[in-house]
Amino acid sequence: MLIDTFTVNGRNVYVYGKEKILSSSQVPMILDLNCTTGNPRAEVITNGWDELAERENLLIVAPEYNDYATYLECEFLRGVIAMCVQKYPIDESRIYSVGFSNGGAASVALASTYPYLLAGIAAMGWAIGMMRSKEEIPFILIQGSHEYIDKDKLAVMDDEKETLHDVFLANKLISPNTLANYSKYPYWGYAATSKERKRITYYDYDPYGHNKHQVTNDLEFFYFNKDEFIHPIVETVLVPDAPHIPHSCNAEIAWKFLRNFARNKDGKIIEIN
């Protein structure tokens, strides 16, 4: 439920969680960023964060921002997080950024600009390269198989290829000289440690939350592990036959991944579950 609204630099920031959260012990925070020309309140619903906030003891923060921009908005988004830390009982070791389309790209930019701020990021449908940082960061990408077609072949965009390379490199899953092989490993370019299919029922929405229809689909999960962790530090999820639209299962999938990680006082990523 929507529990609070405030403004930063004239922009509205919408806060979701359980009603009692304002007086509870410290809780994780998820910064949820909307797509270009999107609506922050609508995308809390279309990606499933409103229902997740009702079930879990965490805070969802959805700000208005320049949703045509990524790196140019990082300072503003850092300010939103700082304001939330002042206002609410947030566990600063468990702050995450997520988003659909440009929101996913902006989340990557935020992690790159402030490499010790976030304990993990999630991108749905689009992302961009890290550019400024090669620090370890848990990362999940949820991608529809029909979001992009290159010469009649299903694929991820060049921006996302750069993101995946940078994320694998930052997490020391590959060496600097490792080349992606998209012929052998479609979509992701690199061999997963393991993979599985999960049948999930969810709603597909238009980006503004006006229309929805129920879908049952066999999603493909790809897990990329490193020796130091029990859980995968990178995860990719392929939604078969899906175009560039939000899915109500995005939040639950992303949170199941992100909740395993925190960043300690030394700035190191640690597992907590």
Protein backbone atom coordinates (compact mmCIF):
# COMPACT_ATOMS: atom_id res chain seq x y z
CA MET A 1 0.00 0.00 0.00
CA LEU A 2 1.02 3.61 -0.52
CA ILE A 3 2.11 4.82 2.91
CA ASP A 4 3.75 8.16 2.16
CA THR A 5 4.53 10.78 -0.49
CA PHE A 6 7.16 13.51 -0.34
CA THR A 7 9.05 15.69 -2.79
CA VAL A 8 12.72 16.06 -3.71
CA ASN A 9 13.62 19.01 -5.94
CA GLY A 10 9.97 19.41 -6.86
CA ARG A 11 9.50 15.76 -7.88
CA ASN A 12 7.12 13.42 -6.12
CA VAL A 13 8.46 10.31 -4.41
CA TYR A 14 5.94 7.54 -3.64
CA VAL A 15 6.63 5.12 -0.79
CA TYR A 16 5.00 1.68 -0.46
CA GLY A 17 5.10 -0.84 2.36
CA LYS A 18 3.16 -2.21 5.28
CA GLU A 19 1.36 0.43 7.29
CA LYS A 20 3.33 -0.45 10.44
CA ILE A 21 6.68 -0.12 8.66
CA LEU A 22 7.23 3.46 9.81
CA SER A 23 7.63 2.28 13.41
CA SER A 24 9.24 -1.10 12.75
CA SER A 25 12.85 -2.19 12.97
CA GLN A 26 15.20 -1.53 10.06
CA VAL A 27 13.96 -2.84 6.71
CA PRO A 28 15.41 -3.28 3.21
CA MET A 29 14.71 -0.56 0.64
CA ILE A 30 14.05 -1.02 -3.07
CA LEU A 31 14.32 1.98 -5.38
CA ASP A 32 11.88 1.24 -8.23
CA LEU A 33 12.48 3.25 -11.43
CA ASN A 34 9.97 3.48 -14.27
CA CYS A 35 10.46 3.29 -18.04
CA THR A 36 10.79 6.24 -20.42
CA THR A 37 7.51 8.21 -20.47
CA GLY A 38 6.31 5.83 -17.75
CA ASN A 39 4.44 6.40 -14.52
CA PRO A 40 6.16 5.48 -11.24
CA ARG A 41 2.93 4.60 -9.43
CA ALA A 42 1.63 2.50 -12.33
CA GLU A 43 4.87 0.54 -12.63
CA VAL A 44 4.87 -0.33 -8.95
CA ILE A 45 1.69 -2.23 -9.84
CA THR A 46 2.59 -3.58 -13.28
CA ASN A 47 5.84 -5.14 -12.07
CA GLY A 48 4.27 -6.52 -8.90
CA TRP A 49 6.01 -4.40 -6.25
CA ASP A 50 2.76 -3.32 -4.58
CA GLU A 51 1.79 -6.90 -3.78
CA LEU A 52 5.32 -7.76 -2.70
CA ALA A 53 5.35 -4.77 -0.31
CA GLU A 54 2.19 -6.14 1.30
CA ARG A 55 3.75 -9.57 1.85
CA GLU A 56 7.31 -8.62 2.78
CA ASN A 57 8.71 -6.31 5.41
CA LEU A 58 10.42 -3.90 3.02
CA LEU A 59 10.07 -0.42 1.59
CA ILE A 60 9.42 0.31 -2.09
CA VAL A 61 10.39 3.83 -3.18
CA ALA A 62 9.20 5.01 -6.61
CA PRO A 63 10.36 8.53 -7.53
CA GLU A 64 9.50 10.75 -10.44
CA TYR A 65 12.75 11.32 -12.37
CA ASN A 66 13.95 12.28 -15.83
CA ASP A 67 13.15 8.92 -17.37
CA TYR A 68 14.95 9.71 -20.62
CA ALA A 69 18.22 9.85 -18.69
CA THR A 70 20.41 7.32 -16.87
CA TYR A 71 23.81 8.57 -15.68
CA LEU A 72 22.60 12.18 -15.61
CA GLU A 73 20.02 11.26 -12.96
CA CYS A 74 22.36 9.43 -10.58
CA GLU A 75 23.00 12.40 -8.28
CA PHE A 76 19.26 13.05 -7.94
CA LEU A 77 18.52 9.37 -7.25
CA ARG A 78 21.31 9.24 -4.67
CA GLY A 79 19.59 12.20 -3.00
CA VAL A 80 16.26 10.35 -2.95
CA ILE A 81 17.92 7.43 -1.19
CA ALA A 82 19.60 9.75 1.31
CA MET A 83 16.26 11.40 2.10
CA CYS A 84 14.62 8.00 2.61
CA VAL A 85 17.39 6.92 4.97
CA GLN A 86 16.68 10.03 7.05
CA LYS A 87 12.88 9.54 7.05
CA TYR A 88 12.43 5.79 7.45
CA PRO A 89 14.00 2.86 9.36
CA ILE A 90 16.05 1.58 6.42
CA ASP A 91 18.76 -1.04 6.68
CA GLU A 92 21.53 0.74 4.75
CA SER A 93 23.30 -2.54 4.06
CA ARG A 94 20.26 -3.67 2.05
CA ILE A 95 19.43 -0.94 -0.45
CA TYR A 96 18.67 -2.13 -4.00
CA SER A 97 17.69 -0.47 -7.28
CA VAL A 98 15.41 -2.04 -9.87
CA GLY A 99 13.51 -0.92 -12.93
CA PHE A 100 11.73 -1.69 -16.17
CA SER A 101 13.33 -0.53 -19.43
CA ASN A 102 15.05 2.82 -18.77
CA GLY A 103 14.56 2.13 -15.06
CA GLY A 104 16.81 -0.91 -15.35
CA ALA A 105 19.41 1.09 -17.24
CA ALA A 106 19.27 3.86 -14.62
CA SER A 107 19.76 1.24 -11.89
CA VAL A 108 22.92 0.00 -13.59
CA ALA A 109 24.12 3.60 -13.93
CA LEU A 110 23.48 4.22 -10.23
CA ALA A 111 25.46 1.14 -9.20
CA SER A 112 28.28 2.21 -11.51
CA THR A 113 28.40 5.79 -10.22
CA TYR A 114 28.13 4.86 -6.53
CA PRO A 115 29.68 1.36 -6.42
CA TYR A 116 29.28 0.86 -2.65
CA LEU A 117 25.75 2.24 -2.32
CA LEU A 118 23.67 -0.72 -3.48
CA ALA A 119 23.58 -4.39 -2.48
CA GLY A 120 22.15 -5.46 -5.84
CA ILE A 121 20.35 -4.33 -8.98
CA ALA A 122 17.62 -5.71 -11.23
CA ALA A 123 16.90 -4.73 -14.82
CA MET A 124 13.75 -5.71 -16.71
CA GLY A 125 13.85 -5.42 -20.48
CA TRP A 126 16.85 -3.15 -20.94
CA ALA A 127 20.17 -2.15 -19.39
CA ILE A 128 23.38 -0.28 -20.24
CA GLY A 129 27.08 -0.89 -19.63
CA MET A 130 28.66 -0.20 -16.24
CA MET A 131 31.13 2.29 -17.75
CA ARG A 132 32.51 3.77 -14.52
CA SER A 133 32.78 0.85 -12.12
CA LYS A 134 34.11 -2.68 -12.06
CA GLU A 135 33.06 -3.39 -8.46
CA GLU A 136 31.24 -6.58 -7.52
CA ILE A 137 27.44 -6.24 -7.75
CA PRO A 138 24.68 -8.89 -7.68
CA PHE A 139 22.66 -8.49 -10.87
CA ILE A 140 19.50 -10.00 -12.35
CA LEU A 141 18.18 -9.36 -15.86
CA ILE A 142 14.61 -10.34 -16.79
CA GLN A 143 14.22 -10.31 -20.57
CA GLY A 144 11.36 -11.10 -22.95
CA SER A 145 12.44 -13.23 -25.90
CA HIS A 146 10.61 -10.90 -28.34
CA GLU A 147 11.83 -7.59 -26.93
CA TYR A 148 14.42 -7.28 -29.69
CA ILE A 149 14.92 -9.00 -33.05
CA ASP A 150 18.20 -8.67 -34.96
CA LYS A 151 18.08 -9.77 -38.62
CA ASP A 152 15.08 -12.03 -37.99
CA LYS A 153 16.81 -13.60 -34.96
CA LEU A 154 15.78 -13.17 -31.35
CA ALA A 155 18.49 -11.38 -29.39
CA VAL A 156 19.38 -8.90 -26.68
CA MET A 157 20.41 -5.39 -27.70
CA ASP A 158 24.03 -4.27 -27.91
CA ASP A 159 23.55 -2.15 -24.76
CA GLU A 160 22.57 -5.27 -22.82
CA LYS A 161 25.46 -7.26 -24.26
CA GLU A 162 27.76 -4.56 -22.89
CA THR A 163 25.98 -4.68 -19.53
CA LEU A 164 26.33 -8.45 -19.25
CA HIS A 165 30.02 -8.36 -20.20
CA ASP A 166 30.71 -5.61 -17.64
CA VAL A 167 28.70 -7.36 -14.91
CA PHE A 168 30.40 -10.72 -15.50
CA LEU A 169 33.76 -8.98 -15.46
CA ALA A 170 32.99 -6.97 -12.31
CA ASN A 171 31.92 -10.13 -10.53
CA LYS A 172 35.03 -11.97 -11.73
CA LEU A 173 33.01 -14.57 -13.59
CA ILE A 174 35.12 -13.98 -16.70
CA SER A 175 38.58 -12.62 -17.47
CA PRO A 176 39.13 -9.37 -19.44
CA ASN A 177 39.99 -11.39 -22.55
CA THR A 178 36.90 -13.62 -22.41
CA LEU A 179 34.72 -13.20 -25.50
CA ALA A 180 30.98 -13.75 -25.53
CA ASN A 181 29.71 -16.57 -27.75
CA TYR A 182 26.14 -15.79 -28.72
CA SER A 183 25.98 -18.64 -31.20
CA LYS A 184 26.71 -21.21 -28.51
CA TYR A 185 24.96 -19.38 -25.66
CA PRO A 186 21.97 -17.49 -27.10
CA TYR A 187 20.90 -14.21 -25.46
CA TRP A 188 23.53 -14.13 -22.72
CA GLY A 189 26.77 -15.02 -24.50
CA TYR A 190 28.26 -16.96 -21.58
CA ALA A 191 27.77 -20.44 -20.17
CA ALA A 192 25.50 -20.60 -17.13
CA THR A 193 26.47 -22.68 -14.11
CA SER A 194 22.99 -24.19 -14.17
CA LYS A 195 19.53 -23.49 -15.53
CA GLU A 196 15.93 -24.52 -15.03
CA ARG A 197 12.38 -23.88 -16.22
CA LYS A 198 9.61 -22.69 -13.93
CA ARG A 199 5.93 -22.52 -14.86
CA ILE A 200 4.57 -19.23 -13.54
CA THR A 201 1.14 -17.60 -13.79
CA TYR A 202 1.20 -13.80 -13.85
CA TYR A 203 -0.32 -10.74 -15.50
CA ASP A 204 1.04 -8.92 -18.53
CA TYR A 205 0.34 -5.18 -18.54
CA ASP A 206 0.75 -2.24 -20.81
CA PRO A 207 3.38 0.09 -19.28
CA TYR A 208 0.71 2.37 -17.81
CA GLY A 209 -1.22 -0.34 -16.02
CA HIS A 210 -4.47 0.25 -17.92
CA ASN A 211 -4.88 -3.22 -19.38
CA LYS A 212 -3.81 -6.65 -18.23
CA HIS A 213 -4.30 -10.28 -19.12
CA GLN A 214 -3.32 -13.45 -17.32
CA VAL A 215 -0.52 -15.60 -18.68
CA THR A 216 0.87 -18.99 -17.73
CA ASN A 217 4.36 -19.41 -19.11
CA ASP A 218 7.49 -21.54 -18.73
CA LEU A 219 10.19 -19.06 -17.78
CA GLU A 220 13.85 -20.05 -18.24
CA PHE A 221 16.24 -19.25 -15.38
CA PHE A 222 20.01 -19.13 -15.91
CA TYR A 223 22.28 -19.07 -12.83
CA PHE A 224 25.87 -17.85 -12.80
CA ASN A 225 27.76 -18.85 -9.65
CA LYS A 226 31.14 -18.04 -8.16
CA ASP A 227 32.96 -20.08 -5.54
CA GLU A 228 32.62 -17.55 -2.72
CA PHE A 229 28.81 -17.64 -2.69
CA ILE A 230 26.12 -20.25 -2.24
CA HIS A 231 23.65 -18.27 -4.33
CA PRO A 232 24.23 -17.15 -7.93
CA ILE A 233 25.68 -13.63 -8.07
CA VAL A 234 24.24 -13.12 -11.57
CA GLU A 235 20.92 -14.44 -12.82
CA THR A 236 19.19 -14.03 -16.17
CA VAL A 237 15.57 -14.89 -16.83
CA LEU A 238 14.04 -15.39 -20.28
CA VAL A 239 10.30 -14.85 -20.65
CA PRO A 240 9.29 -16.77 -23.81
CA ASP A 241 7.30 -14.92 -26.49
CA ALA A 242 7.20 -11.73 -24.43
CA PRO A 243 7.52 -8.27 -26.03
CA HIS A 244 8.75 -5.15 -24.22
CA ILE A 245 6.10 -4.99 -21.48
CA PRO A 246 6.00 -5.31 -17.68
CA HIS A 247 5.11 -8.61 -16.03
CA SER A 248 3.56 -8.79 -12.57
CA CYS A 249 5.99 -11.59 -11.62
CA ASN A 250 9.03 -9.32 -12.07
CA ALA A 251 9.09 -8.16 -8.46
CA GLU A 252 8.86 -11.61 -6.90
CA ILE A 253 11.56 -13.02 -9.20
CA ALA A 254 13.87 -10.05 -8.59
CA TRP A 255 13.38 -10.05 -4.82
CA LYS A 256 13.97 -13.80 -4.52
CA PHE A 257 17.39 -13.09 -6.04
CA LEU A 258 18.25 -9.76 -4.36
CA ARG A 259 17.21 -10.72 -0.83
CA ASN A 260 20.24 -13.03 -0.56
CA PHE A 261 22.73 -10.16 -0.59
CA ALA A 262 23.84 -7.21 1.53
CA ARG A 263 26.83 -4.87 1.56
CA ASN A 264 28.81 -4.76 4.80
CA LYS A 265 30.46 -1.72 6.40
CA ASP A 266 33.65 -2.38 4.45
CA GLY A 267 31.71 -2.18 1.20
CA LYS A 268 31.95 -5.91 0.50
CA ILE A 269 29.02 -7.93 -0.86
CA ILE A 270 28.01 -10.66 1.59
CA GLU A 271 25.30 -13.33 1.64
CA ILE A 272 22.63 -13.13 4.32
CA ASN A 273 20.40 -16.14 3.60
